Amino acid sequence: MMATVRPARRIPRRFSRPIRPSTRSFVERRHARRRDVTRQWRARQVRRMHRVAGDWWAALRRWFWWVAGGCMIIVIVLLVLSPVFAVREMKIQRTDKRIDVEAVQRALMPLFRRRLPFLPAREVERLVHEAVPSAERVEVGKDYRTRTLTVRIRLRRLAWKIRIEEPTGSPTASGAAVQSAPQRQDYLTADGFHVSTSVSGDDRLLPLIRIVDWAVRPAPDTQLLPEELLRALLAAEEKLREQFGQTVRGRTVYLRAREFHIDTAQWSLWFDLKSPVEDQLERLRFFLAEVGPTGAKQYVDLRLQGRVVYR
């Protein structure tokens, strides 16, 4: 038997009773109080659920940080004590035959058994520079899979060959060039550092600098010529080629006098560091305009201000 829902009908007038205002007010107050009680009960339940969830979340976070801290301590202990990350092999990659691989390996020997994650590249560079002072750049690589430390060394570029000679008139001088070490060739880098090596190479394209007035033999891998003098020498050679059309055939540096001589096809030009190179070239222009290129046979001294001495 199916039940049907009939539409609502108003109560017949004979059955309806009049509602007094006080009764209506009482019923409304009662319903409002019930709604307030229900709303407050729901709010209390929500607050209780939030408080319980917050307590659980705080406990979960505390446990998470405790577990993470313990795992971190375990990892650090493994890194420090376990040989898993210890240096087992070193590879030295040299870009020049002048690099003594055995000397570099001896210098890096204390790094064996060190942990790769705690091995700073600066320490490796410092040890390499102590073994190879002429090193310009040191590249450090780490391979954690094979526990290999890779070191790539680049040396300063050789810019000149040098020949160290005794001053004329020295009691030990014989008039011939005296090498700083037997069977070794001396070079200069672009920043003036002295390099002495016995490794043979194709250095025919390197220009030669004769150095005079060196009382004490230079130590390898130390700065022999100041960069100021080298810049002045290069500037003078460049301007002589471009502005005067001269071909440079040789150059001599006098260290104690802080001057240099440039030999051309016609004469030897004398420069120093007391005045700018451009001022000294202006004296050369004045000499060529007043005397002419054939006036000097041996040298033209451009060091003196206000005059030019030639012979």
C-alpha atoms as a PDB file:
ATOM      1  CA  MET A   1       0.000   0.000   0.000  1.00  0.00           C
ATOM      2  CA  MET A   2       1.504   3.269  -1.095  1.00  0.00           C
ATOM      3  CA  ALA A   3       1.153   6.447   0.938  1.00  0.00           C
ATOM      4  CA  THR A   4       0.401   9.703  -0.754  1.00  0.00           C
ATOM      5  CA  VAL A   5       1.417  13.133   0.395  1.00  0.00           C
ATOM      6  CA  ARG A   6      -1.458  15.546   0.301  1.00  0.00           C
ATOM      7  CA  PRO A   7      -1.004  19.269   0.098  1.00  0.00           C
ATOM      8  CA  ALA A   8      -1.213  21.157   3.381  1.00  0.00           C
ATOM      9  CA  ARG A   9      -4.528  22.733   4.267  1.00  0.00           C
ATOM     10  CA  ARG A  10      -5.372  25.367   6.725  1.00  0.00           C
ATOM     11  CA  ILE A  11      -7.017  24.232   9.948  1.00  0.00           C
ATOM     12  CA  PRO A  12     -10.719  24.820   9.849  1.00  0.00           C
ATOM     13  CA  ARG A  13     -11.804  27.910  11.620  1.00  0.00           C
ATOM     14  CA  ARG A  14     -13.868  25.961  14.134  1.00  0.00           C
ATOM     15  CA  PHE A  15     -10.781  24.039  15.290  1.00  0.00           C
ATOM     16  CA  SER A  16      -8.329  26.941  15.456  1.00  0.00           C
ATOM     17  CA  ARG A  17      -7.748  28.715  18.695  1.00  0.00           C
ATOM     18  CA  PRO A  18      -6.485  32.245  18.979  1.00  0.00           C
ATOM     19  CA  ILE A  19      -2.821  32.640  20.039  1.00  0.00           C
ATOM     20  CA  ARG A  20      -2.114  35.254  22.603  1.00  0.00           C
ATOM     21  CA  PRO A  21       0.855  37.604  22.116  1.00  0.00           C
ATOM     22  CA  SER A  22       2.513  36.338  25.278  1.00  0.00           C
ATOM     23  CA  THR A  23       2.336  32.745  24.008  1.00  0.00           C
ATOM     24  CA  ARG A  24       3.735  33.771  20.633  1.00  0.00           C
ATOM     25  CA  SER A  25       6.597  35.654  22.362  1.00  0.00           C
ATOM     26  CA  PHE A  26       7.330  32.650  24.606  1.00  0.00           C
ATOM     27  CA  VAL A  27       7.479  30.260  21.660  1.00  0.00           C
ATOM     28  CA  GLU A  28       9.749  32.588  19.699  1.00  0.00           C
ATOM     29  CA  ARG A  29      12.090  32.945  22.673  1.00  0.00           C
ATOM     30  CA  ARG A  30      12.167  29.197  23.164  1.00  0.00           C
ATOM     31  CA  HIS A  31      12.997  28.528  19.522  1.00  0.00           C
ATOM     32  CA  ALA A  32      15.692  31.229  19.550  1.00  0.00           C
ATOM     33  CA  ARG A  33      17.222  29.739  22.707  1.00  0.00           C
ATOM     34  CA  ARG A  34      17.287  26.289  21.114  1.00  0.00           C
ATOM     35  CA  ARG A  35      18.984  27.688  18.008  1.00  0.00           C
ATOM     36  CA  ASP A  36      21.596  29.431  20.175  1.00  0.00           C
ATOM     37  CA  VAL A  37      22.241  26.272  22.169  1.00  0.00           C
ATOM     38  CA  THR A  38      22.639  24.238  18.976  1.00  0.00           C
ATOM     39  CA  ARG A  39      24.970  26.829  17.454  1.00  0.00           C
ATOM     40  CA  GLN A  40      27.103  26.998  20.608  1.00  0.00           C
ATOM     41  CA  TRP A  41      27.270  23.191  20.775  1.00  0.00           C
ATOM     42  CA  ARG A  42      28.457  23.017  17.186  1.00  0.00           C
ATOM     43  CA  ALA A  43      31.058  25.751  17.803  1.00  0.00           C
ATOM     44  CA  ARG A  44      32.360  23.854  20.837  1.00  0.00           C
ATOM     45  CA  GLN A  45      32.642  20.687  18.768  1.00  0.00           C
ATOM     46  CA  VAL A  46      34.532  22.526  16.018  1.00  0.00           C
ATOM     47  CA  ARG A  47      36.906  24.115  18.521  1.00  0.00           C
ATOM     48  CA  ARG A  48      37.478  20.749  20.177  1.00  0.00           C
ATOM     49  CA  MET A  49      38.252  19.140  16.822  1.00  0.00           C
ATOM     50  CA  HIS A  50      40.659  21.971  15.951  1.00  0.00           C
ATOM     51  CA  ARG A  51      42.387  21.614  19.312  1.00  0.00           C
ATOM     52  CA  VAL A  52      42.775  17.856  18.914  1.00  0.00           C
ATOM     53  CA  ALA A  53      44.025  18.233  15.330  1.00  0.00           C
ATOM     54  CA  GLY A  54      46.493  20.942  16.444  1.00  0.00           C
ATOM     55  CA  ASP A  55      47.832  18.728  19.222  1.00  0.00           C
ATOM     56  CA  TRP A  56      48.280  15.858  16.795  1.00  0.00           C
ATOM     57  CA  TRP A  57      49.994  18.119  14.231  1.00  0.00           C
ATOM     58  CA  ALA A  58      52.348  19.571  16.853  1.00  0.00           C
ATOM     59  CA  ALA A  59      53.269  16.083  18.051  1.00  0.00           C
ATOM     60  CA  LEU A  60      53.793  14.966  14.452  1.00  0.00           C
ATOM     61  CA  ARG A  61      56.073  17.920  13.768  1.00  0.00           C
ATOM     62  CA  ARG A  62      58.067  17.251  16.914  1.00  0.00           C
ATOM     63  CA  TRP A  63      58.534  13.635  15.920  1.00  0.00           C
ATOM     64  CA  PHE A  64      59.460  14.656  12.377  1.00  0.00           C
ATOM     65  CA  TRP A  65      62.196  17.024  13.565  1.00  0.00           C
ATOM     66  CA  TRP A  66      63.506  14.448  16.010  1.00  0.00           C
ATOM     67  CA  VAL A  67      63.688  11.830  13.256  1.00  0.00           C
ATOM     68  CA  ALA A  68      65.238  14.301  10.772  1.00  0.00           C
ATOM     69  CA  GLY A  69      67.834  15.385  13.340  1.00  0.00           C
ATOM     70  CA  GLY A  70      68.704  11.783  14.122  1.00  0.00           C
ATOM     71  CA  CYS A  71      69.073  10.962  10.416  1.00  0.00           C
ATOM     72  CA  MET A  72      71.275  14.004   9.924  1.00  0.00           C
ATOM     73  CA  ILE A  73      73.501  13.006  12.823  1.00  0.00           C
ATOM     74  CA  ILE A  74      73.791   9.510  11.389  1.00  0.00           C
ATOM     75  CA  VAL A  75      74.711  10.896   7.951  1.00  0.00           C
ATOM     76  CA  ILE A  76      77.336  13.225   9.436  1.00  0.00           C
ATOM     77  CA  VAL A  77      78.844  10.403  11.465  1.00  0.00           C
ATOM     78  CA  LEU A  78      78.970   8.246   8.339  1.00  0.00           C
ATOM     79  CA  LEU A  79      80.611  11.024   6.360  1.00  0.00           C
ATOM     80  CA  VAL A  80      83.214  11.650   9.041  1.00  0.00           C
ATOM     81  CA  LEU A  81      84.017   8.107  10.084  1.00  0.00           C
ATOM     82  CA  SER A  82      83.064   5.944   7.141  1.00  0.00           C
ATOM     83  CA  PRO A  83      85.624   5.430   4.342  1.00  0.00           C
ATOM     84  CA  VAL A  84      82.854   5.577   1.742  1.00  0.00           C
ATOM     85  CA  PHE A  85      83.696   9.186   0.775  1.00  0.00           C
ATOM     86  CA  ALA A  86      87.444   9.067   1.447  1.00  0.00           C
ATOM     87  CA  VAL A  87      89.792  10.138  -1.366  1.00  0.00           C
ATOM     88  CA  ARG A  88      91.029   6.970  -3.001  1.00  0.00           C
ATOM     89  CA  GLU A  89      92.612   8.295  -6.190  1.00  0.00           C
ATOM     90  CA  MET A  90      94.042  11.550  -7.529  1.00  0.00           C
ATOM     91  CA  LYS A  91      94.341  12.526 -11.169  1.00  0.00           C
ATOM     92  CA  ILE A  92      96.707  15.324 -12.159  1.00  0.00           C
ATOM     93  CA  GLN A  93      95.915  16.827 -15.548  1.00  0.00           C
ATOM     94  CA  ARG A  94      98.727  19.010 -16.821  1.00  0.00           C
ATOM     95  CA  THR A  95      98.459  21.393 -19.743  1.00  0.00           C
ATOM     96  CA  ASP A  96     102.196  22.036 -20.027  1.00  0.00           C
ATOM     97  CA  LYS A  97     105.264  19.822 -20.035  1.00  0.00           C
ATOM     98  CA  ARG A  98     106.863  22.094 -17.440  1.00  0.00           C
ATOM     99  CA  ILE A  99     104.557  20.762 -14.726  1.00  0.00           C
ATOM    100  CA  ASP A 100     106.279  18.252 -12.458  1.00  0.00           C
ATOM    101  CA  VAL A 101     103.514  15.740 -11.786  1.00  0.00           C
ATOM    102  CA  GLU A 102     105.519  13.912  -9.119  1.00  0.00           C
ATOM    103  CA  ALA A 103     106.063  17.148  -7.170  1.00  0.00           C
ATOM    104  CA  VAL A 104     102.333  17.874  -7.304  1.00  0.00           C
ATOM    105  CA  GLN A 105     101.500  14.358  -6.122  1.00  0.00           C
ATOM    106  CA  ARG A 106     103.907  14.679  -3.202  1.00  0.00           C
ATOM    107  CA  ALA A 107     102.319  17.998  -2.260  1.00  0.00           C
ATOM    108  CA  LEU A 108      98.817  16.496  -2.374  1.00  0.00           C
ATOM    109  CA  MET A 109      99.770  13.354  -0.449  1.00  0.00           C
ATOM    110  CA  PRO A 110      98.240  14.639   2.863  1.00  0.00           C
ATOM    111  CA  LEU A 111      94.827  14.752   1.156  1.00  0.00           C
ATOM    112  CA  PHE A 112      94.595  10.987   0.796  1.00  0.00           C
ATOM    113  CA  ARG A 113      91.908   9.450   3.058  1.00  0.00           C
ATOM    114  CA  ARG A 114      90.339  12.884   3.495  1.00  0.00           C
ATOM    115  CA  ARG A 115      86.555  13.016   3.026  1.00  0.00           C
ATOM    116  CA  LEU A 116      85.571  14.545  -0.302  1.00  0.00           C
ATOM    117  CA  PRO A 117      82.546  16.496   1.030  1.00  0.00           C
ATOM    118  CA  PHE A 118      84.764  18.204   3.624  1.00  0.00           C
ATOM    119  CA  LEU A 119      87.726  18.881   1.319  1.00  0.00           C
ATOM    120  CA  PRO A 120      87.641  22.558   0.231  1.00  0.00           C
ATOM    121  CA  ALA A 121      88.976  23.483  -3.188  1.00  0.00           C
ATOM    122  CA  ARG A 122      90.985  26.356  -1.669  1.00  0.00           C
ATOM    123  CA  GLU A 123      93.112  23.933   0.324  1.00  0.00           C
ATOM    124  CA  VAL A 124      93.898  21.950  -2.827  1.00  0.00           C
ATOM    125  CA  GLU A 125      94.774  25.157  -4.699  1.00  0.00           C
ATOM    126  CA  ARG A 126      97.060  26.274  -1.870  1.00  0.00           C
ATOM    127  CA  LEU A 127      98.999  22.995  -1.905  1.00  0.00           C
ATOM    128  CA  VAL A 128      99.312  23.095  -5.705  1.00  0.00           C
ATOM    129  CA  HIS A 129     100.599  26.690  -5.652  1.00  0.00           C
ATOM    130  CA  GLU A 130     103.191  25.700  -3.053  1.00  0.00           C
ATOM    131  CA  ALA A 131     104.427  22.917  -5.343  1.00  0.00           C
ATOM    132  CA  VAL A 132     104.046  24.890  -8.600  1.00  0.00           C
ATOM    133  CA  PRO A 133     104.352  28.645  -7.889  1.00  0.00           C
ATOM    134  CA  SER A 134     104.038  29.466 -11.599  1.00  0.00           C
ATOM    135  CA  ALA A 135     100.536  27.976 -11.723  1.00  0.00           C
ATOM    136  CA  GLU A 136      98.066  30.542 -13.002  1.00  0.00           C
ATOM    137  CA  ARG A 137      94.862  28.566 -12.561  1.00  0.00           C
ATOM    138  CA  VAL A 138      93.971  25.404 -10.651  1.00  0.00           C
ATOM    139  CA  GLU A 139      90.703  23.594 -11.361  1.00  0.00           C
ATOM    140  CA  VAL A 140      89.517  21.060  -8.773  1.00  0.00           C
ATOM    141  CA  GLY A 141      86.953  18.350  -9.515  1.00  0.00           C
ATOM    142  CA  LYS A 142      85.398  15.662  -7.305  1.00  0.00           C
ATOM    143  CA  ASP A 143      83.939  12.338  -8.440  1.00  0.00           C
ATOM    144  CA  TYR A 144      82.019  10.859  -5.504  1.00  0.00           C
ATOM    145  CA  ARG A 145      81.186   7.666  -7.359  1.00  0.00           C
ATOM    146  CA  THR A 146      84.830   6.652  -7.839  1.00  0.00           C
ATOM    147  CA  ARG A 147      86.149   8.745  -4.894  1.00  0.00           C
ATOM    148  CA  THR A 148      88.561  10.506  -7.239  1.00  0.00           C
ATOM    149  CA  LEU A 149      90.037  13.989  -6.856  1.00  0.00           C
ATOM    150  CA  THR A 150      90.883  15.613 -10.201  1.00  0.00           C
ATOM    151  CA  VAL A 151      93.293  18.562 -10.398  1.00  0.00           C
ATOM    152  CA  ARG A 152      93.888  20.480 -13.625  1.00  0.00           C
ATOM    153  CA  ILE A 153      96.807  22.932 -13.633  1.00  0.00           C
ATOM    154  CA  ARG A 154      97.393  25.796 -16.044  1.00  0.00           C
ATOM    155  CA  LEU A 155     100.726  27.621 -15.976  1.00  0.00           C
ATOM    156  CA  ARG A 156     101.434  31.237 -16.762  1.00  0.00           C
ATOM    157  CA  ARG A 157     102.020  31.783 -20.450  1.00  0.00           C
ATOM    158  CA  LEU A 158     105.641  32.246 -21.489  1.00  0.00           C
ATOM    159  CA  ALA A 159     106.019  35.626 -23.182  1.00  0.00           C
ATOM    160  CA  TRP A 160     109.799  36.108 -23.559  1.00  0.00           C
ATOM    161  CA  LYS A 161     113.051  34.245 -23.502  1.00  0.00           C
ATOM    162  CA  ILE A 162     115.626  35.943 -21.300  1.00  0.00           C
ATOM    163  CA  ARG A 163     119.388  35.892 -21.197  1.00  0.00           C
ATOM    164  CA  ILE A 164     120.923  37.023 -17.928  1.00  0.00           C
ATOM    165  CA  GLU A 165     124.285  38.727 -18.369  1.00  0.00           C
ATOM    166  CA  GLU A 166     126.843  40.241 -16.044  1.00  0.00           C
ATOM    167  CA  PRO A 167     127.424  43.999 -16.338  1.00  0.00           C
ATOM    168  CA  THR A 168     130.322  45.059 -18.531  1.00  0.00           C
ATOM    169  CA  GLY A 169     133.496  45.413 -16.490  1.00  0.00           C
ATOM    170  CA  SER A 170     132.427  42.998 -13.782  1.00  0.00           C
ATOM    171  CA  PRO A 171     135.409  41.006 -12.459  1.00  0.00           C
ATOM    172  CA  THR A 172     133.507  37.750 -13.009  1.00  0.00           C
ATOM    173  CA  ALA A 173     132.213  38.620 -16.455  1.00  0.00           C
ATOM    174  CA  SER A 174     133.820  37.096 -19.511  1.00  0.00           C
ATOM    175  CA  GLY A 175     131.785  38.918 -22.131  1.00  0.00           C
ATOM    176  CA  ALA A 176     129.601  35.900 -22.819  1.00  0.00           C
ATOM    177  CA  ALA A 177     126.122  35.190 -21.561  1.00  0.00           C
ATOM    178  CA  VAL A 178     125.991  33.351 -18.261  1.00  0.00           C
ATOM    179  CA  GLN A 179     122.968  31.130 -17.830  1.00  0.00           C
ATOM    180  CA  SER A 180     121.296  31.059 -14.427  1.00  0.00           C
ATOM    181  CA  ALA A 181     121.481  27.238 -14.367  1.00  0.00           C
ATOM    182  CA  PRO A 182     123.398  24.832 -16.582  1.00  0.00           C
ATOM    183  CA  GLN A 183     121.394  23.240 -19.378  1.00  0.00           C
ATOM    184  CA  ARG A 184     118.309  25.219 -18.454  1.00  0.00           C
ATOM    185  CA  GLN A 185     116.522  27.951 -20.370  1.00  0.00           C
ATOM    186  CA  ASP A 186     115.195  31.092 -18.698  1.00  0.00           C
ATOM    187  CA  TYR A 187     111.843  32.612 -19.619  1.00  0.00           C
ATOM    188  CA  LEU A 188     109.551  35.413 -18.514  1.00  0.00           C
ATOM    189  CA  THR A 189     105.792  35.186 -18.183  1.00  0.00           C
ATOM    190  CA  ALA A 190     103.458  37.967 -19.266  1.00  0.00           C
ATOM    191  CA  ASP A 191     103.413  39.402 -15.735  1.00  0.00           C
ATOM    192  CA  GLY A 192     107.200  39.330 -15.304  1.00  0.00           C
ATOM    193  CA  PHE A 193     107.719  36.068 -13.396  1.00  0.00           C
ATOM    194  CA  HIS A 194     110.946  34.183 -13.986  1.00  0.00           C
ATOM    195  CA  VAL A 195     110.683  30.570 -15.156  1.00  0.00           C
ATOM    196  CA  SER A 196     113.691  28.286 -15.495  1.00  0.00           C
ATOM    197  CA  THR A 197     113.086  24.940 -17.138  1.00  0.00           C
ATOM    198  CA  SER A 198     115.019  22.209 -18.881  1.00  0.00           C
ATOM    199  CA  VAL A 199     112.022  21.043 -20.904  1.00  0.00           C
ATOM    200  CA  SER A 200     112.747  21.606 -24.555  1.00  0.00           C
ATOM    201  CA  GLY A 201     110.070  23.265 -26.622  1.00  0.00           C
ATOM    202  CA  ASP A 202     109.535  25.333 -29.721  1.00  0.00           C
ATOM    203  CA  ASP A 203     110.431  28.787 -28.366  1.00  0.00           C
ATOM    204  CA  ARG A 204     111.802  30.238 -31.590  1.00  0.00           C
ATOM    205  CA  LEU A 205     108.880  32.655 -31.869  1.00  0.00           C
ATOM    206  CA  LEU A 206     109.421  34.099 -28.389  1.00  0.00           C
ATOM    207  CA  PRO A 207     111.261  37.455 -28.343  1.00  0.00           C
ATOM    208  CA  LEU A 208     114.539  37.652 -26.416  1.00  0.00           C
ATOM    209  CA  ILE A 209     115.259  40.059 -23.555  1.00  0.00           C
ATOM    210  CA  ARG A 210     118.809  40.558 -22.339  1.00  0.00           C
ATOM    211  CA  ILE A 211     118.907  41.393 -18.628  1.00  0.00           C
ATOM    212  CA  VAL A 212     121.930  43.173 -17.161  1.00  0.00           C
ATOM    213  CA  ASP A 213     122.846  44.370 -13.651  1.00  0.00           C
ATOM    214  CA  TRP A 214     121.522  41.384 -11.759  1.00  0.00           C
ATOM    215  CA  ALA A 215     123.854  40.886  -8.833  1.00  0.00           C
ATOM    216  CA  VAL A 216     121.941  38.012  -7.262  1.00  0.00           C
ATOM    217  CA  ARG A 217     120.652  35.150  -9.354  1.00  0.00           C
ATOM    218  CA  PRO A 218     116.849  35.187  -9.596  1.00  0.00           C
ATOM    219  CA  ALA A 219     114.887  32.477  -7.883  1.00  0.00           C
ATOM    220  CA  PRO A 220     112.566  30.538 -10.191  1.00  0.00           C
ATOM    221  CA  ASP A 221     108.866  31.387 -10.073  1.00  0.00           C
ATOM    222  CA  THR A 222     109.486  34.832  -8.582  1.00  0.00           C
ATOM    223  CA  GLN A 223     108.807  38.178 -10.205  1.00  0.00           C
ATOM    224  CA  LEU A 224     111.945  39.266 -12.013  1.00  0.00           C
ATOM    225  CA  LEU A 225     110.773  42.342 -13.933  1.00  0.00           C
ATOM    226  CA  PRO A 226     108.116  44.738 -12.634  1.00  0.00           C
ATOM    227  CA  GLU A 227     104.950  44.944 -14.679  1.00  0.00           C
ATOM    228  CA  GLU A 228     105.419  48.718 -15.049  1.00  0.00           C
ATOM    229  CA  LEU A 229     108.675  48.170 -16.939  1.00  0.00           C
ATOM    230  CA  LEU A 230     107.146  45.461 -19.137  1.00  0.00           C
ATOM    231  CA  ARG A 231     104.188  47.687 -20.027  1.00  0.00           C
ATOM    232  CA  ALA A 232     106.535  50.527 -20.946  1.00  0.00           C
ATOM    233  CA  LEU A 233     108.686  48.178 -23.044  1.00  0.00           C
ATOM    234  CA  LEU A 234     105.686  46.790 -24.940  1.00  0.00           C
ATOM    235  CA  ALA A 235     104.233  50.267 -25.491  1.00  0.00           C
ATOM    236  CA  ALA A 236     107.553  51.571 -26.834  1.00  0.00           C
ATOM    237  CA  GLU A 237     107.953  48.633 -29.231  1.00  0.00           C
ATOM    238  CA  GLU A 238     104.386  48.956 -30.501  1.00  0.00           C
ATOM    239  CA  LYS A 239     104.680  52.705 -31.152  1.00  0.00           C
ATOM    240  CA  LEU A 240     108.064  52.298 -32.836  1.00  0.00           C
ATOM    241  CA  ARG A 241     106.536  49.809 -35.260  1.00  0.00           C
ATOM    242  CA  GLU A 242     103.287  51.656 -35.909  1.00  0.00           C
ATOM    243  CA  GLN A 243     104.362  55.316 -35.804  1.00  0.00           C
ATOM    244  CA  PHE A 244     108.013  55.196 -36.884  1.00  0.00           C
ATOM    245  CA  GLY A 245     108.105  52.075 -39.046  1.00  0.00           C
ATOM    246  CA  GLN A 246     111.030  50.617 -37.083  1.00  0.00           C
ATOM    247  CA  THR A 247     111.778  46.911 -36.761  1.00  0.00           C
ATOM    248  CA  VAL A 248     112.765  45.803 -33.268  1.00  0.00           C
ATOM    249  CA  ARG A 249     115.765  43.500 -33.384  1.00  0.00           C
ATOM    250  CA  GLY A 250     116.615  43.258 -29.707  1.00  0.00           C
ATOM    251  CA  ARG A 251     115.934  44.626 -26.265  1.00  0.00           C
ATOM    252  CA  THR A 252     118.078  44.989 -23.142  1.00  0.00           C
ATOM    253  CA  VAL A 253     116.837  45.713 -19.618  1.00  0.00           C
ATOM    254  CA  TYR A 254     118.997  47.258 -16.876  1.00  0.00           C
ATOM    255  CA  LEU A 255     117.305  46.421 -13.619  1.00  0.00           C
ATOM    256  CA  ARG A 256     119.088  48.664 -11.156  1.00  0.00           C
ATOM    257  CA  ALA A 257     118.888  51.660 -13.489  1.00  0.00           C
ATOM    258  CA  ARG A 258     115.210  50.900 -14.295  1.00  0.00           C
ATOM    259  CA  GLU A 259     115.793  51.514 -17.987  1.00  0.00           C
ATOM    260  CA  PHE A 260     115.653  49.535 -21.210  1.00  0.00           C
ATOM    261  CA  HIS A 261     117.295  49.766 -24.628  1.00  0.00           C
ATOM    262  CA  ILE A 262     115.530  48.823 -27.845  1.00  0.00           C
ATOM    263  CA  ASP A 263     117.739  47.890 -30.795  1.00  0.00           C
ATOM    264  CA  THR A 264     116.448  48.754 -34.261  1.00  0.00           C
ATOM    265  CA  ALA A 265     118.032  48.424 -37.690  1.00  0.00           C
ATOM    266  CA  GLN A 266     119.594  51.922 -37.379  1.00  0.00           C
ATOM    267  CA  TRP A 267     120.321  52.634 -33.730  1.00  0.00           C
ATOM    268  CA  SER A 268     119.740  51.659 -30.130  1.00  0.00           C
ATOM    269  CA  LEU A 269     117.046  53.740 -28.416  1.00  0.00           C
ATOM    270  CA  TRP A 270     117.423  54.314 -24.687  1.00  0.00           C
ATOM    271  CA  PHE A 271     114.306  54.622 -22.487  1.00  0.00           C
ATOM    272  CA  ASP A 272     113.681  54.757 -18.736  1.00  0.00           C
ATOM    273  CA  LEU A 273     110.753  54.873 -16.314  1.00  0.00           C
ATOM    274  CA  LYS A 274     111.291  58.427 -15.043  1.00  0.00           C
ATOM    275  CA  SER A 275     109.086  59.921 -17.755  1.00  0.00           C
ATOM    276  CA  PRO A 276     106.240  58.505 -19.854  1.00  0.00           C
ATOM    277  CA  VAL A 277     107.102  56.610 -23.008  1.00  0.00           C
ATOM    278  CA  GLU A 278     105.079  59.054 -25.103  1.00  0.00           C
ATOM    279  CA  ASP A 279     107.231  61.976 -23.910  1.00  0.00           C
ATOM    280  CA  GLN A 280     110.396  60.108 -24.829  1.00  0.00           C
ATOM    281  CA  LEU A 281     108.996  59.310 -28.269  1.00  0.00           C
ATOM    282  CA  GLU A 282     108.264  63.014 -28.721  1.00  0.00           C
ATOM    283  CA  ARG A 283     111.994  63.624 -28.196  1.00  0.00           C
ATOM    284  CA  LEU A 284     112.662  61.026 -30.889  1.00  0.00           C
ATOM    285  CA  ARG A 285     110.346  62.913 -33.251  1.00  0.00           C
ATOM    286  CA  PHE A 286     112.182  66.134 -32.459  1.00  0.00           C
ATOM    287  CA  PHE A 287     115.518  64.420 -33.132  1.00  0.00           C
ATOM    288  CA  LEU A 288     114.345  63.070 -36.483  1.00  0.00           C
ATOM    289  CA  ALA A 289     112.974  66.473 -37.488  1.00  0.00           C
ATOM    290  CA  GLU A 290     116.079  68.446 -36.477  1.00  0.00           C
ATOM    291  CA  VAL A 291     118.952  66.019 -37.089  1.00  0.00           C
ATOM    292  CA  GLY A 292     117.501  63.342 -39.331  1.00  0.00           C
ATOM    293  CA  PRO A 293     117.724  59.555 -39.196  1.00  0.00           C
ATOM    294  CA  THR A 294     121.333  59.535 -40.421  1.00  0.00           C
ATOM    295  CA  GLY A 295     122.613  61.799 -37.669  1.00  0.00           C
ATOM    296  CA  ALA A 296     123.140  58.968 -35.167  1.00  0.00           C
ATOM    297  CA  LYS A 297     125.204  55.874 -35.835  1.00  0.00           C
ATOM    298  CA  GLN A 298     125.078  53.964 -32.530  1.00  0.00           C
ATOM    299  CA  TYR A 299     122.424  55.144 -30.082  1.00  0.00           C
ATOM    300  CA  VAL A 300     119.857  57.840 -29.302  1.00  0.00           C
ATOM    301  CA  ASP A 301     119.403  58.634 -25.608  1.00  0.00           C
ATOM    302  CA  LEU A 302     115.789  59.710 -24.973  1.00  0.00           C
ATOM    303  CA  ARG A 303     115.934  59.720 -21.180  1.00  0.00           C
ATOM    304  CA  LEU A 304     116.924  63.352 -20.590  1.00  0.00           C
ATOM    305  CA  GLN A 305     114.250  66.011 -20.485  1.00  0.00           C
ATOM    306  CA  GLY A 306     114.715  68.952 -22.831  1.00  0.00           C
ATOM    307  CA  ARG A 307     117.497  67.435 -24.941  1.00  0.00           C
ATOM    308  CA  VAL A 308     118.512  64.356 -26.894  1.00  0.00           C
ATOM    309  CA  VAL A 309     121.971  62.792 -26.701  1.00  0.00           C
ATOM    310  CA  TYR A 310     123.099  60.681 -29.630  1.00  0.00           C
ATOM    311  CA  ARG A 311     126.219  59.220 -31.085  1.00  0.00           C
END
